[in-house]
């Protein structure tokens, strides 16, 4: 899948029309994304995200949830603090 829009740093829209919120701790990994970046969506076994977006070029992974969902209470802070 390719990126259709990435106007907000924490939300990406893919060419299939799906929109995903990027985990705050993973935003730096998205700075190099371009419209031609090839991404793959995979289910996640992570406690904070439902899916991961994988950059096909370098295999970097970012945790995501659907754009209309909210991050689990307290889990974001725990993960960002290393807990």
PDB file of N, CA and C in Angstrom:
ATOM      1  N   UNK A   1       0.839  -1.172   0.000  1.00  0.00           N
ATOM      2  CA  UNK A   1       0.000   0.000   0.000  1.00  0.00           C
ATOM      3  C   UNK A   1       0.887   1.239   0.000  1.00  0.00           C
ATOM      4  N   UNK A   2       0.378   2.261  -0.567  1.00  0.00           N
ATOM      5  CA  UNK A   2       1.082   3.541  -0.619  1.00  0.00           C
ATOM      6  C   UNK A   2       0.351   4.543   0.262  1.00  0.00           C
ATOM      7  N   UNK A   3       1.031   5.641   0.562  1.00  0.00           N
ATOM      8  CA  UNK A   3       0.458   6.701   1.390  1.00  0.00           C
ATOM      9  C   UNK A   3      -0.362   7.632   0.506  1.00  0.00           C
ATOM     10  N   UNK A   4      -1.615   7.842   0.888  1.00  0.00           N
ATOM     11  CA  UNK A   4      -2.461   8.810   0.175  1.00  0.00           C
ATOM     12  C   UNK A   4      -2.288  10.187   0.812  1.00  0.00           C
ATOM     13  N   UNK A   5      -2.250  10.228   2.145  1.00  0.00           N
ATOM     14  CA  UNK A   5      -2.109  11.498   2.859  1.00  0.00           C
ATOM     15  C   UNK A   5      -1.435  11.263   4.194  1.00  0.00           C
ATOM     16  N   UNK A   6      -0.580  12.210   4.561  1.00  0.00           N
ATOM     17  CA  UNK A   6       0.099  12.165   5.854  1.00  0.00           C
ATOM     18  C   UNK A   6       0.242  13.598   6.340  1.00  0.00           C
ATOM     19  N   UNK A   7      -0.880  14.328   6.296  1.00  0.00           N
ATOM     20  CA  UNK A   7      -0.882  15.751   6.631  1.00  0.00           C
ATOM     21  C   UNK A   7      -0.631  15.991   8.113  1.00  0.00           C
ATOM     22  N   UNK A   8      -1.226  15.158   8.958  1.00  0.00           N
ATOM     23  CA  UNK A   8      -0.985  15.256  10.391  1.00  0.00           C
ATOM     24  C   UNK A   8       0.089  14.241  10.735  1.00  0.00           C
ATOM     25  N   UNK A   9       1.031  14.625  11.567  1.00  0.00           N
ATOM     26  CA  UNK A   9       2.164  13.735  11.841  1.00  0.00           C
ATOM     27  C   UNK A   9       1.740  12.412  12.459  1.00  0.00           C
ATOM     28  N   UNK A  10       0.637  12.401  13.183  1.00  0.00           N
ATOM     29  CA  UNK A  10       0.239  11.180  13.886  1.00  0.00           C
ATOM     30  C   UNK A  10      -0.838  10.361  13.172  1.00  0.00           C
ATOM     31  N   UNK A  11      -1.304  10.801  12.000  1.00  0.00           N
ATOM     32  CA  UNK A  11      -2.328  10.077  11.245  1.00  0.00           C
ATOM     33  C   UNK A  11      -1.855   9.899   9.804  1.00  0.00           C
ATOM     34  N   UNK A  12      -1.979   8.673   9.310  1.00  0.00           N
ATOM     35  CA  UNK A  12      -1.627   8.393   7.922  1.00  0.00           C
ATOM     36  C   UNK A  12      -2.829   7.749   7.235  1.00  0.00           C
ATOM     37  N   UNK A  13      -3.101   8.192   6.019  1.00  0.00           N
ATOM     38  CA  UNK A  13      -4.158   7.582   5.208  1.00  0.00           C
ATOM     39  C   UNK A  13      -3.492   6.807   4.085  1.00  0.00           C
ATOM     40  N   UNK A  14      -3.898   5.563   3.924  1.00  0.00           N
ATOM     41  CA  UNK A  14      -3.321   4.705   2.889  1.00  0.00           C
ATOM     42  C   UNK A  14      -4.177   4.727   1.636  1.00  0.00           C
ATOM     43  N   UNK A  15      -3.625   4.226   0.553  1.00  0.00           N
ATOM     44  CA  UNK A  15      -4.345   4.284  -0.725  1.00  0.00           C
ATOM     45  C   UNK A  15      -5.583   3.402  -0.778  1.00  0.00           C
ATOM     46  N   UNK A  16      -5.784   2.549   0.222  1.00  0.00           N
ATOM     47  CA  UNK A  16      -7.024   1.768   0.288  1.00  0.00           C
ATOM     48  C   UNK A  16      -8.119   2.528   1.038  1.00  0.00           C
ATOM     49  N   UNK A  17      -7.810   3.773   1.470  1.00  0.00           N
ATOM     50  CA  UNK A  17      -8.772   4.611   2.177  1.00  0.00           C
ATOM     51  C   UNK A  17      -8.737   4.477   3.687  1.00  0.00           C
ATOM     52  N   UNK A  18      -7.989   3.495   4.204  1.00  0.00           N
ATOM     53  CA  UNK A  18      -7.918   3.323   5.656  1.00  0.00           C
ATOM     54  C   UNK A  18      -7.046   4.418   6.278  1.00  0.00           C
ATOM     55  N   UNK A  19      -7.403   4.799   7.512  1.00  0.00           N
ATOM     56  CA  UNK A  19      -6.664   5.823   8.232  1.00  0.00           C
ATOM     57  C   UNK A  19      -6.194   5.248   9.559  1.00  0.00           C
ATOM     58  N   UNK A  20      -4.936   5.543   9.898  1.00  0.00           N
ATOM     59  CA  UNK A  20      -4.305   4.950  11.066  1.00  0.00           C
ATOM     60  C   UNK A  20      -3.595   6.001  11.902  1.00  0.00           C
ATOM     61  N   UNK A  21      -3.766   5.887  13.237  1.00  0.00           N
ATOM     62  CA  UNK A  21      -3.024   6.730  14.176  1.00  0.00           C
ATOM     63  C   UNK A  21      -1.703   6.053  14.480  1.00  0.00           C
ATOM     64  N   UNK A  22      -0.640   6.810  14.436  1.00  0.00           N
ATOM     65  CA  UNK A  22       0.692   6.281  14.710  1.00  0.00           C
ATOM     66  C   UNK A  22       1.001   6.458  16.190  1.00  0.00           C
ATOM     67  N   UNK A  23       1.555   5.409  16.798  1.00  0.00           N
ATOM     68  CA  UNK A  23       1.916   5.453  18.206  1.00  0.00           C
ATOM     69  C   UNK A  23       2.905   6.601  18.433  1.00  0.00           C
ATOM     70  N   UNK A  24       2.683   7.425  19.473  1.00  0.00           N
ATOM     71  CA  UNK A  24       3.548   8.589  19.706  1.00  0.00           C
ATOM     72  C   UNK A  24       5.038   8.263  19.755  1.00  0.00           C
ATOM     73  N   UNK A  25       5.417   7.155  20.326  1.00  0.00           N
ATOM     74  CA  UNK A  25       6.825   6.784  20.422  1.00  0.00           C
ATOM     75  C   UNK A  25       7.444   6.329  19.105  1.00  0.00           C
ATOM     76  N   UNK A  26       6.618   6.143  18.073  1.00  0.00           N
ATOM     77  CA  UNK A  26       7.105   5.672  16.772  1.00  0.00           C
ATOM     78  C   UNK A  26       7.113   6.752  15.695  1.00  0.00           C
ATOM     79  N   UNK A  27       6.731   7.974  16.049  1.00  0.00           N
ATOM     80  CA  UNK A  27       6.612   9.038  15.048  1.00  0.00           C
ATOM     81  C   UNK A  27       7.917   9.306  14.306  1.00  0.00           C
ATOM     82  N   UNK A  28       9.047   9.216  14.983  1.00  0.00           N
ATOM     83  CA  UNK A  28      10.331   9.505  14.330  1.00  0.00           C
ATOM     84  C   UNK A  28      10.577   8.572  13.147  1.00  0.00           C
ATOM     85  N   UNK A  29      10.106   7.348  13.233  1.00  0.00           N
ATOM     86  CA  UNK A  29      10.307   6.381  12.145  1.00  0.00           C
ATOM     87  C   UNK A  29       9.540   6.761  10.887  1.00  0.00           C
ATOM     88  N   UNK A  30       8.566   7.645  10.996  1.00  0.00           N
ATOM     89  CA  UNK A  30       7.748   8.016   9.843  1.00  0.00           C
ATOM     90  C   UNK A  30       8.274   9.257   9.117  1.00  0.00           C
ATOM     91  N   UNK A  31       9.299   9.899   9.668  1.00  0.00           N
ATOM     92  CA  UNK A  31       9.782  11.157   9.090  1.00  0.00           C
ATOM     93  C   UNK A  31      10.306  11.001   7.669  1.00  0.00           C
ATOM     94  N   UNK A  32      10.794   9.838   7.323  1.00  0.00           N
ATOM     95  CA  UNK A  32      11.330   9.625   5.976  1.00  0.00           C
ATOM     96  C   UNK A  32      10.296   9.091   4.996  1.00  0.00           C
ATOM     97  N   UNK A  33       9.076   8.834   5.457  1.00  0.00           N
ATOM     98  CA  UNK A  33       8.053   8.306   4.567  1.00  0.00           C
ATOM     99  C   UNK A  33       7.707   9.301   3.478  1.00  0.00           C
ATOM    100  N   UNK A  34       7.585   8.796   2.268  1.00  0.00           N
ATOM    101  CA  UNK A  34       7.192   9.580   1.101  1.00  0.00           C
ATOM    102  C   UNK A  34       5.939   8.941   0.512  1.00  0.00           C
ATOM    103  N   UNK A  35       5.232   9.639  -0.393  1.00  0.00           N
ATOM    104  CA  UNK A  35       4.040   9.038  -1.004  1.00  0.00           C
ATOM    105  C   UNK A  35       4.322   7.697  -1.684  1.00  0.00           C
ATOM    106  N   UNK A  36       5.538   7.502  -2.173  1.00  0.00           N
ATOM    107  CA  UNK A  36       5.863   6.242  -2.845  1.00  0.00           C
ATOM    108  C   UNK A  36       6.340   5.145  -1.890  1.00  0.00           C
ATOM    109  N   UNK A  37       6.441   5.451  -0.588  1.00  0.00           N
ATOM    110  CA  UNK A  37       6.848   4.442   0.384  1.00  0.00           C
ATOM    111  C   UNK A  37       5.843   3.293   0.381  1.00  0.00           C
ATOM    112  N   UNK A  38       6.350   2.085   0.250  1.00  0.00           N
ATOM    113  CA  UNK A  38       5.505   0.893   0.231  1.00  0.00           C
ATOM    114  C   UNK A  38       5.352   0.377   1.655  1.00  0.00           C
ATOM    115  N   UNK A  39       4.112   0.345   2.140  1.00  0.00           N
ATOM    116  CA  UNK A  39       3.821  -0.093   3.500  1.00  0.00           C
ATOM    117  C   UNK A  39       2.948  -1.338   3.485  1.00  0.00           C
ATOM    118  N   UNK A  40       3.144  -2.184   4.475  1.00  0.00           N
ATOM    119  CA  UNK A  40       2.317  -3.369   4.657  1.00  0.00           C
ATOM    120  C   UNK A  40       1.683  -3.289   6.027  1.00  0.00           C
ATOM    121  N   UNK A  41       0.395  -3.572   6.109  1.00  0.00           N
ATOM    122  CA  UNK A  41      -0.329  -3.580   7.373  1.00  0.00           C
ATOM    123  C   UNK A  41      -0.390  -5.010   7.895  1.00  0.00           C
ATOM    124  N   UNK A  42       0.016  -5.181   9.152  1.00  0.00           N
ATOM    125  CA  UNK A  42      -0.008  -6.505   9.766  1.00  0.00           C
ATOM    126  C   UNK A  42      -0.666  -6.417  11.136  1.00  0.00           C
ATOM    127  N   UNK A  43      -1.354  -7.474  11.564  1.00  0.00           N
ATOM    128  CA  UNK A  43      -1.900  -7.496  12.919  1.00  0.00           C
ATOM    129  C   UNK A  43      -0.754  -7.443  13.928  1.00  0.00           C
ATOM    130  N   UNK A  44      -1.027  -6.863  15.075  1.00  0.00           N
ATOM    131  CA  UNK A  44      -0.008  -6.735  16.117  1.00  0.00           C
ATOM    132  C   UNK A  44      -0.384  -7.553  17.337  1.00  0.00           C
ATOM    133  N   UNK A  45       0.615  -8.044  18.018  1.00  0.00           N
ATOM    134  CA  UNK A  45       0.392  -8.731  19.293  1.00  0.00           C
ATOM    135  C   UNK A  45       0.798  -7.813  20.445  1.00  0.00           C
ATOM    136  N   UNK A  46       1.058  -6.562  20.130  1.00  0.00           N
ATOM    137  CA  UNK A  46       1.467  -5.556  21.099  1.00  0.00           C
ATOM    138  C   UNK A  46       0.286  -5.186  21.990  1.00  0.00           C
ATOM    139  N   UNK A  47       0.547  -4.836  23.224  1.00  0.00           N
ATOM    140  CA  UNK A  47      -0.551  -4.520  24.142  1.00  0.00           C
ATOM    141  C   UNK A  47      -1.179  -3.147  23.901  1.00  0.00           C
ATOM    142  N   UNK A  48      -0.520  -2.296  23.130  1.00  0.00           N
ATOM    143  CA  UNK A  48      -1.091  -0.975  22.895  1.00  0.00           C
ATOM    144  C   UNK A  48      -1.657  -0.776  21.500  1.00  0.00           C
ATOM    145  N   UNK A  49      -1.240  -1.572  20.531  1.00  0.00           N
ATOM    146  CA  UNK A  49      -1.700  -1.342  19.163  1.00  0.00           C
ATOM    147  C   UNK A  49      -2.375  -2.580  18.586  1.00  0.00           C
ATOM    148  N   UNK A  50      -3.280  -2.326  17.653  1.00  0.00           N
ATOM    149  CA  UNK A  50      -3.974  -3.439  17.003  1.00  0.00           C
ATOM    150  C   UNK A  50      -3.219  -3.935  15.776  1.00  0.00           C
ATOM    151  N   UNK A  51      -2.416  -3.038  15.170  1.00  0.00           N
ATOM    152  CA  UNK A  51      -1.702  -3.348  13.938  1.00  0.00           C
ATOM    153  C   UNK A  51      -0.326  -2.677  13.925  1.00  0.00           C
ATOM    154  N   UNK A  52       0.489  -3.081  12.975  1.00  0.00           N
ATOM    155  CA  UNK A  52       1.749  -2.397  12.689  1.00  0.00           C
ATOM    156  C   UNK A  52       1.807  -2.108  11.201  1.00  0.00           C
ATOM    157  N   UNK A  53       2.408  -0.975  10.866  1.00  0.00           N
ATOM    158  CA  UNK A  53       2.717  -0.661   9.476  1.00  0.00           C
ATOM    159  C   UNK A  53       4.198  -0.952   9.287  1.00  0.00           C
ATOM    160  N   UNK A  54       4.511  -1.757   8.286  1.00  0.00           N
ATOM    161  CA  UNK A  54       5.889  -2.155   8.012  1.00  0.00           C
ATOM    162  C   UNK A  54       6.345  -1.494   6.722  1.00  0.00           C
ATOM    163  N   UNK A  55       7.452  -0.774   6.785  1.00  0.00           N
ATOM    164  CA  UNK A  55       8.053  -0.159   5.610  1.00  0.00           C
ATOM    165  C   UNK A  55       8.787  -1.261   4.847  1.00  0.00           C
ATOM    166  N   UNK A  56       8.366  -1.539   3.631  1.00  0.00           N
ATOM    167  CA  UNK A  56       8.939  -2.639   2.851  1.00  0.00           C
ATOM    168  C   UNK A  56      10.412  -2.416   2.528  1.00  0.00           C
ATOM    169  N   UNK A  57      10.850  -1.168   2.426  1.00  0.00           N
ATOM    170  CA  UNK A  57      12.234  -0.877   2.043  1.00  0.00           C
ATOM    171  C   UNK A  57      13.229  -1.227   3.141  1.00  0.00           C
ATOM    172  N   UNK A  58      12.906  -0.876   4.393  1.00  0.00           N
ATOM    173  CA  UNK A  58      13.879  -1.090   5.471  1.00  0.00           C
ATOM    174  C   UNK A  58      13.347  -1.973   6.610  1.00  0.00           C
ATOM    175  N   UNK A  59      12.128  -2.462   6.448  1.00  0.00           N
ATOM    176  CA  UNK A  59      11.475  -3.338   7.436  1.00  0.00           C
ATOM    177  C   UNK A  59      11.228  -2.658   8.790  1.00  0.00           C
ATOM    178  N   UNK A  60      11.312  -1.318   8.836  1.00  0.00           N
ATOM    179  CA  UNK A  60      10.974  -0.622  10.080  1.00  0.00           C
ATOM    180  C   UNK A  60       9.481  -0.766  10.329  1.00  0.00           C
ATOM    181  N   UNK A  61       9.107  -0.779  11.600  1.00  0.00           N
ATOM    182  CA  UNK A  61       7.721  -1.032  11.994  1.00  0.00           C
ATOM    183  C   UNK A  61       7.235   0.085  12.906  1.00  0.00           C
ATOM    184  N   UNK A  62       6.010   0.532  12.679  1.00  0.00           N
ATOM    185  CA  UNK A  62       5.384   1.486  13.584  1.00  0.00           C
ATOM    186  C   UNK A  62       4.046   0.922  14.051  1.00  0.00           C
ATOM    187  N   UNK A  63       3.782   1.106  15.321  1.00  0.00           N
ATOM    188  CA  UNK A  63       2.519   0.627  15.895  1.00  0.00           C
ATOM    189  C   UNK A  63       1.403   1.602  15.548  1.00  0.00           C
ATOM    190  N   UNK A  64       0.232   1.070  15.204  1.00  0.00           N
ATOM    191  CA  UNK A  64      -0.903   1.910  14.813  1.00  0.00           C
ATOM    192  C   UNK A  64      -2.213   1.335  15.351  1.00  0.00           C
ATOM    193  N   UNK A  65      -3.192   2.224  15.446  1.00  0.00           N
ATOM    194  CA  UNK A  65      -4.581   1.843  15.695  1.00  0.00           C
ATOM    195  C   UNK A  65      -5.424   2.599  14.671  1.00  0.00           C
ATOM    196  N   UNK A  66      -6.636   2.153  14.452  1.00  0.00           N
ATOM    197  CA  UNK A  66      -7.536   2.857  13.531  1.00  0.00           C
ATOM    198  C   UNK A  66      -7.679   4.308  13.988  1.00  0.00           C
ATOM    199  N   UNK A  67      -7.789   5.218  13.034  1.00  0.00           N
ATOM    200  CA  UNK A  67      -7.812   6.647  13.331  1.00  0.00           C
ATOM    201  C   UNK A  67      -8.956   7.049  14.254  1.00  0.00           C
ATOM    202  N   UNK A  68     -10.056   6.295  14.243  1.00  0.00           N
ATOM    203  CA  UNK A  68     -11.201   6.660  15.081  1.00  0.00           C
ATOM    204  C   UNK A  68     -11.165   5.996  16.460  1.00  0.00           C
ATOM    205  N   UNK A  69     -10.097   5.265  16.767  1.00  0.00           N
ATOM    206  CA  UNK A  69      -9.964   4.629  18.071  1.00  0.00           C
ATOM    207  C   UNK A  69      -9.098   5.490  18.992  1.00  0.00           C
ATOM    208  N   UNK A  70      -9.075   5.138  20.271  1.00  0.00           N
ATOM    209  CA  UNK A  70      -8.213   5.830  21.230  1.00  0.00           C
ATOM    210  C   UNK A  70      -7.223   4.834  21.820  1.00  0.00           C
ATOM    211  N   UNK A  71      -6.076   5.338  22.184  1.00  0.00           N
ATOM    212  CA  UNK A  71      -5.049   4.488  22.780  1.00  0.00           C
ATOM    213  C   UNK A  71      -5.511   4.010  24.149  1.00  0.00           C
ATOM    214  N   UNK A  72      -5.146   2.804  24.557  1.00  0.00           N
ATOM    215  CA  UNK A  72      -5.564   2.266  25.860  1.00  0.00           C
ATOM    216  C   UNK A  72      -5.090   3.165  27.009  1.00  0.00           C
ATOM    217  N   UNK A  73      -5.982   3.409  27.955  1.00  0.00           N
ATOM    218  CA  UNK A  73      -5.655   4.261  29.094  1.00  0.00           C
ATOM    219  C   UNK A  73      -4.398   3.797  29.805  1.00  0.00           C
ATOM    220  N   UNK A  74      -3.487   4.696  30.006  1.00  0.00           N
ATOM    221  CA  UNK A  74      -2.285   4.426  30.768  1.00  0.00           C
ATOM    222  C   UNK A  74      -1.209   3.650  30.033  1.00  0.00           C
ATOM    223  N   UNK A  75      -1.566   2.896  29.012  1.00  0.00           N
ATOM    224  CA  UNK A  75      -0.578   2.045  28.335  1.00  0.00           C
ATOM    225  C   UNK A  75       0.466   2.859  27.579  1.00  0.00           C
ATOM    226  N   UNK A  76       0.058   3.963  26.959  1.00  0.00           N
ATOM    227  CA  UNK A  76       0.995   4.781  26.213  1.00  0.00           C
ATOM    228  C   UNK A  76       2.092   5.301  27.143  1.00  0.00           C
ATOM    229  N   UNK A  77       1.689   5.827  28.299  1.00  0.00           N
ATOM    230  CA  UNK A  77       2.674   6.345  29.258  1.00  0.00           C
ATOM    231  C   UNK A  77       3.599   5.238  29.743  1.00  0.00           C
ATOM    232  N   UNK A  78       3.045   4.057  30.014  1.00  0.00           N
ATOM    233  CA  UNK A  78       3.882   2.939  30.465  1.00  0.00           C
ATOM    234  C   UNK A  78       4.933   2.577  29.421  1.00  0.00           C
ATOM    235  N   UNK A  79       4.496   2.473  28.170  1.00  0.00           N
ATOM    236  CA  UNK A  79       5.418   2.087  27.102  1.00  0.00           C
ATOM    237  C   UNK A  79       6.472   3.155  26.878  1.00  0.00           C
ATOM    238  N   UNK A  80       6.053   4.428  26.875  1.00  0.00           N
ATOM    239  CA  UNK A  80       7.000   5.517  26.642  1.00  0.00           C
ATOM    240  C   UNK A  80       8.011   5.621  27.789  1.00  0.00           C
ATOM    241  N   UNK A  81       7.626   5.241  28.995  1.00  0.00           N
ATOM    242  CA  UNK A  81       8.535   5.258  30.127  1.00  0.00           C
ATOM    243  C   UNK A  81       9.385   4.000  30.196  1.00  0.00           C
ATOM    244  N   UNK A  82       9.110   3.060  29.309  1.00  0.00           N
ATOM    245  CA  UNK A  82       9.886   1.828  29.269  1.00  0.00           C
ATOM    246  C   UNK A  82       9.337   0.723  30.131  1.00  0.00           C
ATOM    247  N   UNK A  83       8.062   0.840  30.519  1.00  0.00           N
ATOM    248  CA  UNK A  83       7.445  -0.150  31.405  1.00  0.00           C
ATOM    249  C   UNK A  83       6.742  -1.211  30.759  1.00  0.00           C
TER     250      UNK A  83
END
